[in-house]
């Protein structure tokens, strides 16, 4: 959880950040999927406004000559660069599939359409941010900076009035991390409740939180390990669980002729 927080909270103990962050997530999951959805809508509007403002303030810093030479090493290098993002964030859409059985059958087409639109928006946003990084910072600094977006926003300077606004990047990070974690945590509790045949997922929330918090210290211990885990370990694991495993389950369901639109036990209650 706290891999990026040392930038803005360098003296705050990691355990305190993780525990307090998890308490908010536990509270949100206890309130249910409706509250999670409303929170996501509110955060989406604010994040979009901040990103738009950052773009406007950095227009005068963009130099498209920094992108040259284009494809100097051929197509293979850009293709290799797609590997990390295949796991994060694209393959992580699999956890949203857990929400389909909890949605009314007449509303599932809307959910599918929204997921396709959001997938395209994620790809376009990633391309947009990559272009901004290359044109503002250049290829070398972008490649070697562990927090390139944060460094890019340090370039914002409007006279002597508007400066040092890179904290807004931290606000975006906190908001997006919260949105992702609360959805993932909700889904894992619903899935566990269905597996154990509970009538509701809420008894699973606190025990699951007591597992997640210690794991947040074990998986990686610093920013260097976070970068290594995110670029080398997580893509392989995420592609397996987000693409390979769902395709296998879909094939098995098709062969067995399984088509169940009912809401399983342990659902959104």
C-alpha atoms as a PDB file:
ATOM      1  CA  UNK A   1       0.000   0.000   0.000  1.00  0.00           C
ATOM      2  CA  UNK A   2       2.638   2.468   1.061  1.00  0.00           C
ATOM      3  CA  UNK A   3       5.063   2.005  -1.818  1.00  0.00           C
ATOM      4  CA  UNK A   4       4.504   5.541  -3.132  1.00  0.00           C
ATOM      5  CA  UNK A   5       3.693   7.387   0.071  1.00  0.00           C
ATOM      6  CA  UNK A   6       7.325   8.026   1.170  1.00  0.00           C
ATOM      7  CA  UNK A   7       7.400  10.785  -1.442  1.00  0.00           C
ATOM      8  CA  UNK A   8       4.977  12.898   0.582  1.00  0.00           C
ATOM      9  CA  UNK A   9       5.081  11.204   4.027  1.00  0.00           C
ATOM     10  CA  UNK A  10       8.767  10.286   4.424  1.00  0.00           C
ATOM     11  CA  UNK A  11       8.743  10.272   8.236  1.00  0.00           C
ATOM     12  CA  UNK A  12       5.463   8.400   8.697  1.00  0.00           C
ATOM     13  CA  UNK A  13       5.866   4.713   9.665  1.00  0.00           C
ATOM     14  CA  UNK A  14       4.752   2.355   6.938  1.00  0.00           C
ATOM     15  CA  UNK A  15       2.617   0.304   9.315  1.00  0.00           C
ATOM     16  CA  UNK A  16       0.599   3.378  10.259  1.00  0.00           C
ATOM     17  CA  UNK A  17      -0.139   4.228   6.623  1.00  0.00           C
ATOM     18  CA  UNK A  18      -1.133   0.656   5.790  1.00  0.00           C
ATOM     19  CA  UNK A  19      -3.364   0.180   8.820  1.00  0.00           C
ATOM     20  CA  UNK A  20      -5.203   3.506   8.526  1.00  0.00           C
ATOM     21  CA  UNK A  21      -5.657   3.031   4.780  1.00  0.00           C
ATOM     22  CA  UNK A  22      -7.046  -0.455   5.368  1.00  0.00           C
ATOM     23  CA  UNK A  23      -9.470   0.802   8.012  1.00  0.00           C
ATOM     24  CA  UNK A  24     -11.072   3.129   5.468  1.00  0.00           C
ATOM     25  CA  UNK A  25     -11.293   0.284   2.934  1.00  0.00           C
ATOM     26  CA  UNK A  26     -12.872  -2.044   5.505  1.00  0.00           C
ATOM     27  CA  UNK A  27     -15.450   0.618   6.340  1.00  0.00           C
ATOM     28  CA  UNK A  28     -16.286   1.147   2.668  1.00  0.00           C
ATOM     29  CA  UNK A  29     -16.638  -2.582   1.972  1.00  0.00           C
ATOM     30  CA  UNK A  30     -18.895  -2.962   4.995  1.00  0.00           C
ATOM     31  CA  UNK A  31     -21.196  -0.280   3.541  1.00  0.00           C
ATOM     32  CA  UNK A  32     -21.625  -2.259   0.315  1.00  0.00           C
ATOM     33  CA  UNK A  33     -21.201  -2.035  -3.447  1.00  0.00           C
ATOM     34  CA  UNK A  34     -23.570   0.935  -3.858  1.00  0.00           C
ATOM     35  CA  UNK A  35     -21.387   3.165  -1.693  1.00  0.00           C
ATOM     36  CA  UNK A  36     -18.278   1.906  -3.498  1.00  0.00           C
ATOM     37  CA  UNK A  37     -19.845   2.857  -6.831  1.00  0.00           C
ATOM     38  CA  UNK A  38     -20.839   6.342  -5.664  1.00  0.00           C
ATOM     39  CA  UNK A  39     -17.360   6.916  -4.268  1.00  0.00           C
ATOM     40  CA  UNK A  40     -15.809   5.867  -7.577  1.00  0.00           C
ATOM     41  CA  UNK A  41     -17.989   8.332  -9.483  1.00  0.00           C
ATOM     42  CA  UNK A  42     -16.980  11.213  -7.217  1.00  0.00           C
ATOM     43  CA  UNK A  43     -13.276  10.371  -7.388  1.00  0.00           C
ATOM     44  CA  UNK A  44     -13.380   9.927 -11.174  1.00  0.00           C
ATOM     45  CA  UNK A  45     -14.627  13.481 -11.712  1.00  0.00           C
ATOM     46  CA  UNK A  46     -11.986  14.975  -9.437  1.00  0.00           C
ATOM     47  CA  UNK A  47      -9.151  12.916 -10.921  1.00  0.00           C
ATOM     48  CA  UNK A  48     -10.182  13.878 -14.461  1.00  0.00           C
ATOM     49  CA  UNK A  49     -10.169  17.564 -13.527  1.00  0.00           C
ATOM     50  CA  UNK A  50      -6.707  17.319 -11.956  1.00  0.00           C
ATOM     51  CA  UNK A  51      -5.251  15.480 -14.978  1.00  0.00           C
ATOM     52  CA  UNK A  52      -6.776  18.050 -17.332  1.00  0.00           C
ATOM     53  CA  UNK A  53      -5.313  20.890 -15.282  1.00  0.00           C
ATOM     54  CA  UNK A  54      -1.867  19.254 -15.286  1.00  0.00           C
ATOM     55  CA  UNK A  55      -1.985  18.962 -19.080  1.00  0.00           C
ATOM     56  CA  UNK A  56      -2.929  22.622 -19.506  1.00  0.00           C
ATOM     57  CA  UNK A  57      -0.149  23.790 -17.200  1.00  0.00           C
ATOM     58  CA  UNK A  58       2.472  21.645 -18.970  1.00  0.00           C
ATOM     59  CA  UNK A  59       1.652  22.566 -22.570  1.00  0.00           C
ATOM     60  CA  UNK A  60       4.429  25.145 -22.685  1.00  0.00           C
ATOM     61  CA  UNK A  61       6.946  22.546 -21.412  1.00  0.00           C
ATOM     62  CA  UNK A  62       6.231  19.969 -24.127  1.00  0.00           C
ATOM     63  CA  UNK A  63       8.908  19.479 -26.784  1.00  0.00           C
ATOM     64  CA  UNK A  64       7.957  16.864 -29.378  1.00  0.00           C
ATOM     65  CA  UNK A  65      11.545  16.680 -30.642  1.00  0.00           C
ATOM     66  CA  UNK A  66      12.227  14.629 -27.482  1.00  0.00           C
ATOM     67  CA  UNK A  67      10.317  11.749 -29.105  1.00  0.00           C
ATOM     68  CA  UNK A  68      12.824  11.412 -31.944  1.00  0.00           C
ATOM     69  CA  UNK A  69      14.034   9.062 -33.299  1.00  0.00           C
ATOM     70  CA  UNK A  70      10.766   7.120 -33.489  1.00  0.00           C
ATOM     71  CA  UNK A  71      11.138   3.322 -33.720  1.00  0.00           C
ATOM     72  CA  UNK A  72      14.915   3.639 -33.982  1.00  0.00           C
ATOM     73  CA  UNK A  73      15.292   0.011 -32.757  1.00  0.00           C
ATOM     74  CA  UNK A  74      12.308  -1.317 -34.681  1.00  0.00           C
ATOM     75  CA  UNK A  75       8.947  -2.565 -33.435  1.00  0.00           C
ATOM     76  CA  UNK A  76      10.256  -5.174 -31.003  1.00  0.00           C
ATOM     77  CA  UNK A  77      11.176  -2.748 -28.206  1.00  0.00           C
ATOM     78  CA  UNK A  78       7.686  -1.144 -28.056  1.00  0.00           C
ATOM     79  CA  UNK A  79       6.126  -4.619 -28.144  1.00  0.00           C
ATOM     80  CA  UNK A  80       8.315  -5.693 -25.195  1.00  0.00           C
ATOM     81  CA  UNK A  81       7.179  -2.557 -23.372  1.00  0.00           C
ATOM     82  CA  UNK A  82       3.586  -3.808 -23.548  1.00  0.00           C
ATOM     83  CA  UNK A  83       4.380  -6.765 -21.285  1.00  0.00           C
ATOM     84  CA  UNK A  84       4.253  -4.916 -17.923  1.00  0.00           C
ATOM     85  CA  UNK A  85       0.951  -3.164 -18.725  1.00  0.00           C
ATOM     86  CA  UNK A  86      -0.594  -6.448 -19.861  1.00  0.00           C
ATOM     87  CA  UNK A  87      -0.702  -7.355 -16.185  1.00  0.00           C
ATOM     88  CA  UNK A  88      -1.290  -3.885 -14.786  1.00  0.00           C
ATOM     89  CA  UNK A  89      -3.916  -2.680 -15.406  1.00  0.00           C
ATOM     90  CA  UNK A  90      -5.451  -4.654 -18.303  1.00  0.00           C
ATOM     91  CA  UNK A  91      -5.462  -8.230 -16.965  1.00  0.00           C
ATOM     92  CA  UNK A  92      -6.696  -7.011 -13.590  1.00  0.00           C
ATOM     93  CA  UNK A  93     -10.119  -6.504 -15.130  1.00  0.00           C
ATOM     94  CA  UNK A  94     -10.780 -10.118 -14.206  1.00  0.00           C
ATOM     95  CA  UNK A  95     -11.828  -9.198 -10.688  1.00  0.00           C
ATOM     96  CA  UNK A  96     -14.654  -7.069 -12.091  1.00  0.00           C
ATOM     97  CA  UNK A  97     -16.100 -10.222 -13.644  1.00  0.00           C
ATOM     98  CA  UNK A  98     -17.053 -11.265 -10.121  1.00  0.00           C
ATOM     99  CA  UNK A  99     -19.571  -8.431 -10.146  1.00  0.00           C
ATOM    100  CA  UNK A 100     -21.512  -9.693 -13.177  1.00  0.00           C
ATOM    101  CA  UNK A 101     -23.592 -12.311 -11.270  1.00  0.00           C
ATOM    102  CA  UNK A 102     -24.544  -9.599  -8.762  1.00  0.00           C
ATOM    103  CA  UNK A 103     -25.947  -7.289 -11.452  1.00  0.00           C
ATOM    104  CA  UNK A 104     -29.517  -7.552 -12.661  1.00  0.00           C
ATOM    105  CA  UNK A 105     -29.708  -9.433 -15.996  1.00  0.00           C
ATOM    106  CA  UNK A 106     -31.283  -6.436 -17.752  1.00  0.00           C
ATOM    107  CA  UNK A 107     -28.375  -4.206 -16.685  1.00  0.00           C
ATOM    108  CA  UNK A 108     -25.514  -6.510 -17.661  1.00  0.00           C
ATOM    109  CA  UNK A 109     -25.302  -5.197 -21.223  1.00  0.00           C
ATOM    110  CA  UNK A 110     -24.747  -1.725 -19.800  1.00  0.00           C
ATOM    111  CA  UNK A 111     -21.968  -3.057 -17.564  1.00  0.00           C
ATOM    112  CA  UNK A 112     -20.287  -4.838 -20.475  1.00  0.00           C
ATOM    113  CA  UNK A 113     -20.448  -1.678 -22.578  1.00  0.00           C
ATOM    114  CA  UNK A 114     -19.049   0.395 -19.720  1.00  0.00           C
ATOM    115  CA  UNK A 115     -16.161  -2.052 -19.295  1.00  0.00           C
ATOM    116  CA  UNK A 116     -15.271  -1.873 -22.996  1.00  0.00           C
ATOM    117  CA  UNK A 117     -15.362   1.911 -22.901  1.00  0.00           C
ATOM    118  CA  UNK A 118     -13.242   2.044 -19.753  1.00  0.00           C
ATOM    119  CA  UNK A 119     -10.719  -0.386 -21.294  1.00  0.00           C
ATOM    120  CA  UNK A 120     -10.316   1.914 -24.292  1.00  0.00           C
ATOM    121  CA  UNK A 121     -10.105   4.947 -21.997  1.00  0.00           C
ATOM    122  CA  UNK A 122      -7.354   3.288 -19.929  1.00  0.00           C
ATOM    123  CA  UNK A 123      -5.329   2.572 -23.056  1.00  0.00           C
ATOM    124  CA  UNK A 124      -5.741   6.109 -24.367  1.00  0.00           C
ATOM    125  CA  UNK A 125      -4.900   7.614 -20.995  1.00  0.00           C
ATOM    126  CA  UNK A 126      -1.745   5.513 -20.766  1.00  0.00           C
ATOM    127  CA  UNK A 127      -0.708   6.641 -24.246  1.00  0.00           C
ATOM    128  CA  UNK A 128      -1.487  10.254 -23.371  1.00  0.00           C
ATOM    129  CA  UNK A 129       0.620  10.138 -20.188  1.00  0.00           C
ATOM    130  CA  UNK A 130       3.495   8.421 -22.031  1.00  0.00           C
ATOM    131  CA  UNK A 131       3.534  11.177 -24.662  1.00  0.00           C
ATOM    132  CA  UNK A 132       3.490  13.843 -21.982  1.00  0.00           C
ATOM    133  CA  UNK A 133       6.387  12.206 -20.122  1.00  0.00           C
ATOM    134  CA  UNK A 134       8.505  11.899 -23.250  1.00  0.00           C
ATOM    135  CA  UNK A 135       7.840  15.420 -24.449  1.00  0.00           C
ATOM    136  CA  UNK A 136       8.325  17.078 -21.054  1.00  0.00           C
ATOM    137  CA  UNK A 137      11.106  15.013 -19.440  1.00  0.00           C
ATOM    138  CA  UNK A 138      12.698  13.233 -22.401  1.00  0.00           C
ATOM    139  CA  UNK A 139      13.341   9.514 -22.838  1.00  0.00           C
ATOM    140  CA  UNK A 140      16.364   9.182 -20.535  1.00  0.00           C
ATOM    141  CA  UNK A 141      14.860  10.852 -17.483  1.00  0.00           C
ATOM    142  CA  UNK A 142      11.521   9.108 -17.995  1.00  0.00           C
ATOM    143  CA  UNK A 143      13.235   5.712 -18.216  1.00  0.00           C
ATOM    144  CA  UNK A 144      15.397   6.124 -15.120  1.00  0.00           C
ATOM    145  CA  UNK A 145      12.970   7.965 -12.842  1.00  0.00           C
ATOM    146  CA  UNK A 146      11.042   5.652 -10.453  1.00  0.00           C
ATOM    147  CA  UNK A 147       8.252   8.248 -10.184  1.00  0.00           C
ATOM    148  CA  UNK A 148       8.340   9.943 -13.577  1.00  0.00           C
ATOM    149  CA  UNK A 149       4.862  11.470 -13.360  1.00  0.00           C
ATOM    150  CA  UNK A 150       5.751  13.039 -10.027  1.00  0.00           C
ATOM    151  CA  UNK A 151       8.968  14.473 -11.516  1.00  0.00           C
ATOM    152  CA  UNK A 152       7.067  15.720 -14.542  1.00  0.00           C
ATOM    153  CA  UNK A 153       4.696  17.752 -12.424  1.00  0.00           C
ATOM    154  CA  UNK A 154       7.649  19.438 -10.741  1.00  0.00           C
ATOM    155  CA  UNK A 155       8.158  21.208 -14.067  1.00  0.00           C
ATOM    156  CA  UNK A 156       4.947  23.202 -13.587  1.00  0.00           C
ATOM    157  CA  UNK A 157       5.743  26.831 -12.977  1.00  0.00           C
ATOM    158  CA  UNK A 158       3.415  29.724 -13.722  1.00  0.00           C
ATOM    159  CA  UNK A 159       5.285  32.902 -12.884  1.00  0.00           C
ATOM    160  CA  UNK A 160       6.146  32.941  -9.202  1.00  0.00           C
ATOM    161  CA  UNK A 161       2.608  32.111  -8.148  1.00  0.00           C
ATOM    162  CA  UNK A 162       1.811  28.501  -9.090  1.00  0.00           C
ATOM    163  CA  UNK A 163       4.691  26.176  -8.242  1.00  0.00           C
ATOM    164  CA  UNK A 164       5.368  22.958  -6.337  1.00  0.00           C
ATOM    165  CA  UNK A 165       1.974  21.481  -7.185  1.00  0.00           C
ATOM    166  CA  UNK A 166       3.276  17.918  -7.553  1.00  0.00           C
ATOM    167  CA  UNK A 167       1.329  16.979  -4.419  1.00  0.00           C
ATOM    168  CA  UNK A 168      -1.699  16.753  -6.736  1.00  0.00           C
ATOM    169  CA  UNK A 169      -0.080  13.620  -8.224  1.00  0.00           C
ATOM    170  CA  UNK A 170      -0.081  12.099  -4.737  1.00  0.00           C
ATOM    171  CA  UNK A 171      -3.779  12.939  -4.470  1.00  0.00           C
ATOM    172  CA  UNK A 172      -4.413  11.083  -7.745  1.00  0.00           C
ATOM    173  CA  UNK A 173      -2.345   8.115  -6.580  1.00  0.00           C
ATOM    174  CA  UNK A 174      -4.167   7.894  -3.261  1.00  0.00           C
ATOM    175  CA  UNK A 175      -7.566   8.154  -4.970  1.00  0.00           C
ATOM    176  CA  UNK A 176      -6.831   5.525  -7.627  1.00  0.00           C
ATOM    177  CA  UNK A 177      -5.151   3.147  -5.166  1.00  0.00           C
ATOM    178  CA  UNK A 178      -8.160   3.471  -2.865  1.00  0.00           C
ATOM    179  CA  UNK A 179     -10.637   2.808  -5.699  1.00  0.00           C
ATOM    180  CA  UNK A 180      -8.741  -0.237  -6.887  1.00  0.00           C
ATOM    181  CA  UNK A 181      -8.157  -1.689  -3.428  1.00  0.00           C
ATOM    182  CA  UNK A 182     -11.702  -1.283  -2.241  1.00  0.00           C
ATOM    183  CA  UNK A 183     -13.032  -3.063  -5.344  1.00  0.00           C
ATOM    184  CA  UNK A 184     -10.459  -5.858  -5.082  1.00  0.00           C
ATOM    185  CA  UNK A 185     -11.111  -6.260  -1.371  1.00  0.00           C
ATOM    186  CA  UNK A 186     -14.872  -6.340  -1.937  1.00  0.00           C
ATOM    187  CA  UNK A 187     -14.518  -8.975  -4.646  1.00  0.00           C
ATOM    188  CA  UNK A 188     -12.214 -11.231  -2.612  1.00  0.00           C
ATOM    189  CA  UNK A 189     -14.652 -11.131   0.312  1.00  0.00           C
ATOM    190  CA  UNK A 190     -17.637 -11.921  -1.917  1.00  0.00           C
ATOM    191  CA  UNK A 191     -15.733 -14.780  -3.570  1.00  0.00           C
ATOM    192  CA  UNK A 192     -14.675 -16.189  -0.197  1.00  0.00           C
ATOM    193  CA  UNK A 193     -18.234 -15.980   1.118  1.00  0.00           C
ATOM    194  CA  UNK A 194     -19.518 -17.845  -1.948  1.00  0.00           C
ATOM    195  CA  UNK A 195     -16.840 -20.505  -1.551  1.00  0.00           C
ATOM    196  CA  UNK A 196     -17.768 -21.051   2.107  1.00  0.00           C
ATOM    197  CA  UNK A 197     -21.497 -20.743   1.318  1.00  0.00           C
ATOM    198  CA  UNK A 198     -22.102 -17.840   3.687  1.00  0.00           C
ATOM    199  CA  UNK A 199     -25.317 -15.883   3.323  1.00  0.00           C
ATOM    200  CA  UNK A 200     -23.389 -12.587   3.419  1.00  0.00           C
ATOM    201  CA  UNK A 201     -19.775 -11.554   2.860  1.00  0.00           C
ATOM    202  CA  UNK A 202     -19.497  -9.191   5.855  1.00  0.00           C
ATOM    203  CA  UNK A 203     -18.212 -11.797   8.382  1.00  0.00           C
ATOM    204  CA  UNK A 204     -15.230 -12.266   6.045  1.00  0.00           C
ATOM    205  CA  UNK A 205     -14.148  -8.611   6.011  1.00  0.00           C
ATOM    206  CA  UNK A 206     -12.192  -8.303   9.263  1.00  0.00           C
ATOM    207  CA  UNK A 207     -10.443 -11.709   9.021  1.00  0.00           C
ATOM    208  CA  UNK A 208      -9.458 -10.915   5.423  1.00  0.00           C
ATOM    209  CA  UNK A 209      -8.108  -7.508   6.476  1.00  0.00           C
ATOM    210  CA  UNK A 210      -5.965  -9.208   9.109  1.00  0.00           C
ATOM    211  CA  UNK A 211      -4.395 -11.239   6.274  1.00  0.00           C
ATOM    212  CA  UNK A 212      -3.964  -8.384   3.786  1.00  0.00           C
ATOM    213  CA  UNK A 213      -2.165  -6.011   6.181  1.00  0.00           C
ATOM    214  CA  UNK A 214       0.723  -8.411   7.042  1.00  0.00           C
ATOM    215  CA  UNK A 215       1.037  -9.378   3.370  1.00  0.00           C
ATOM    216  CA  UNK A 216       1.503  -5.718   2.458  1.00  0.00           C
ATOM    217  CA  UNK A 217       4.805  -5.844   4.361  1.00  0.00           C
ATOM    218  CA  UNK A 218       5.913  -9.224   3.024  1.00  0.00           C
ATOM    219  CA  UNK A 219       5.413  -8.844  -0.743  1.00  0.00           C
ATOM    220  CA  UNK A 220       7.899  -5.961  -1.029  1.00  0.00           C
ATOM    221  CA  UNK A 221       9.743  -3.909   1.575  1.00  0.00           C
ATOM    222  CA  UNK A 222      10.821  -0.797  -0.350  1.00  0.00           C
ATOM    223  CA  UNK A 223      10.363   1.091  -3.619  1.00  0.00           C
ATOM    224  CA  UNK A 224      13.111  -0.876  -5.393  1.00  0.00           C
ATOM    225  CA  UNK A 225      11.414  -4.186  -4.603  1.00  0.00           C
ATOM    226  CA  UNK A 226       8.066  -2.670  -5.599  1.00  0.00           C
ATOM    227  CA  UNK A 227       9.429  -1.707  -9.035  1.00  0.00           C
ATOM    228  CA  UNK A 228      10.945  -5.164  -9.544  1.00  0.00           C
ATOM    229  CA  UNK A 229       7.762  -6.919  -8.418  1.00  0.00           C
ATOM    230  CA  UNK A 230       5.501  -4.740 -10.582  1.00  0.00           C
ATOM    231  CA  UNK A 231       7.607  -5.093 -13.749  1.00  0.00           C
ATOM    232  CA  UNK A 232       8.722  -8.743 -13.561  1.00  0.00           C
ATOM    233  CA  UNK A 233       6.613 -10.786 -11.154  1.00  0.00           C
ATOM    234  CA  UNK A 234       3.128  -9.294 -11.224  1.00  0.00           C
ATOM    235  CA  UNK A 235       2.613  -9.264 -15.035  1.00  0.00           C
ATOM    236  CA  UNK A 236       3.161 -13.026 -15.260  1.00  0.00           C
ATOM    237  CA  UNK A 237       0.874 -13.781 -12.320  1.00  0.00           C
ATOM    238  CA  UNK A 238      -1.739 -11.252 -13.393  1.00  0.00           C
ATOM    239  CA  UNK A 239      -1.920 -12.439 -17.013  1.00  0.00           C
ATOM    240  CA  UNK A 240      -2.436 -15.996 -15.777  1.00  0.00           C
ATOM    241  CA  UNK A 241      -5.255 -15.110 -13.398  1.00  0.00           C
ATOM    242  CA  UNK A 242      -6.729 -12.361 -15.571  1.00  0.00           C
ATOM    243  CA  UNK A 243      -6.582 -13.984 -19.012  1.00  0.00           C
ATOM    244  CA  UNK A 244      -5.545 -17.642 -19.016  1.00  0.00           C
ATOM    245  CA  UNK A 245      -7.669 -18.808 -16.076  1.00  0.00           C
ATOM    246  CA  UNK A 246     -10.886 -17.002 -17.182  1.00  0.00           C
ATOM    247  CA  UNK A 247     -10.480 -18.447 -20.700  1.00  0.00           C
ATOM    248  CA  UNK A 248     -10.132 -21.946 -19.256  1.00  0.00           C
ATOM    249  CA  UNK A 249     -13.240 -21.468 -17.092  1.00  0.00           C
ATOM    250  CA  UNK A 250     -15.151 -20.057 -20.075  1.00  0.00           C
ATOM    251  CA  UNK A 251     -14.164 -23.058 -22.191  1.00  0.00           C
ATOM    252  CA  UNK A 252     -15.216 -25.501 -19.459  1.00  0.00           C
ATOM    253  CA  UNK A 253     -18.559 -23.685 -19.056  1.00  0.00           C
ATOM    254  CA  UNK A 254     -19.139 -23.772 -22.822  1.00  0.00           C
ATOM    255  CA  UNK A 255     -18.347 -27.495 -23.030  1.00  0.00           C
ATOM    256  CA  UNK A 256     -20.619 -28.308 -20.090  1.00  0.00           C
ATOM    257  CA  UNK A 257     -23.359 -25.958 -21.313  1.00  0.00           C
ATOM    258  CA  UNK A 258     -23.369 -23.985 -18.063  1.00  0.00           C
ATOM    259  CA  UNK A 259     -25.303 -20.718 -18.144  1.00  0.00           C
ATOM    260  CA  UNK A 260     -26.522 -19.546 -14.742  1.00  0.00           C
ATOM    261  CA  UNK A 261     -27.757 -15.994 -14.302  1.00  0.00           C
ATOM    262  CA  UNK A 262     -28.784 -16.446 -10.687  1.00  0.00           C
ATOM    263  CA  UNK A 263     -27.126 -14.533  -7.844  1.00  0.00           C
ATOM    264  CA  UNK A 264     -25.001 -16.931  -5.771  1.00  0.00           C
ATOM    265  CA  UNK A 265     -24.943 -17.001  -2.009  1.00  0.00           C
ATOM    266  CA  UNK A 266     -22.628 -14.546  -0.350  1.00  0.00           C
ATOM    267  CA  UNK A 267     -23.468 -11.886  -2.895  1.00  0.00           C
ATOM    268  CA  UNK A 268     -23.789  -8.163  -2.395  1.00  0.00           C
ATOM    269  CA  UNK A 269     -25.829  -8.447   0.780  1.00  0.00           C
END
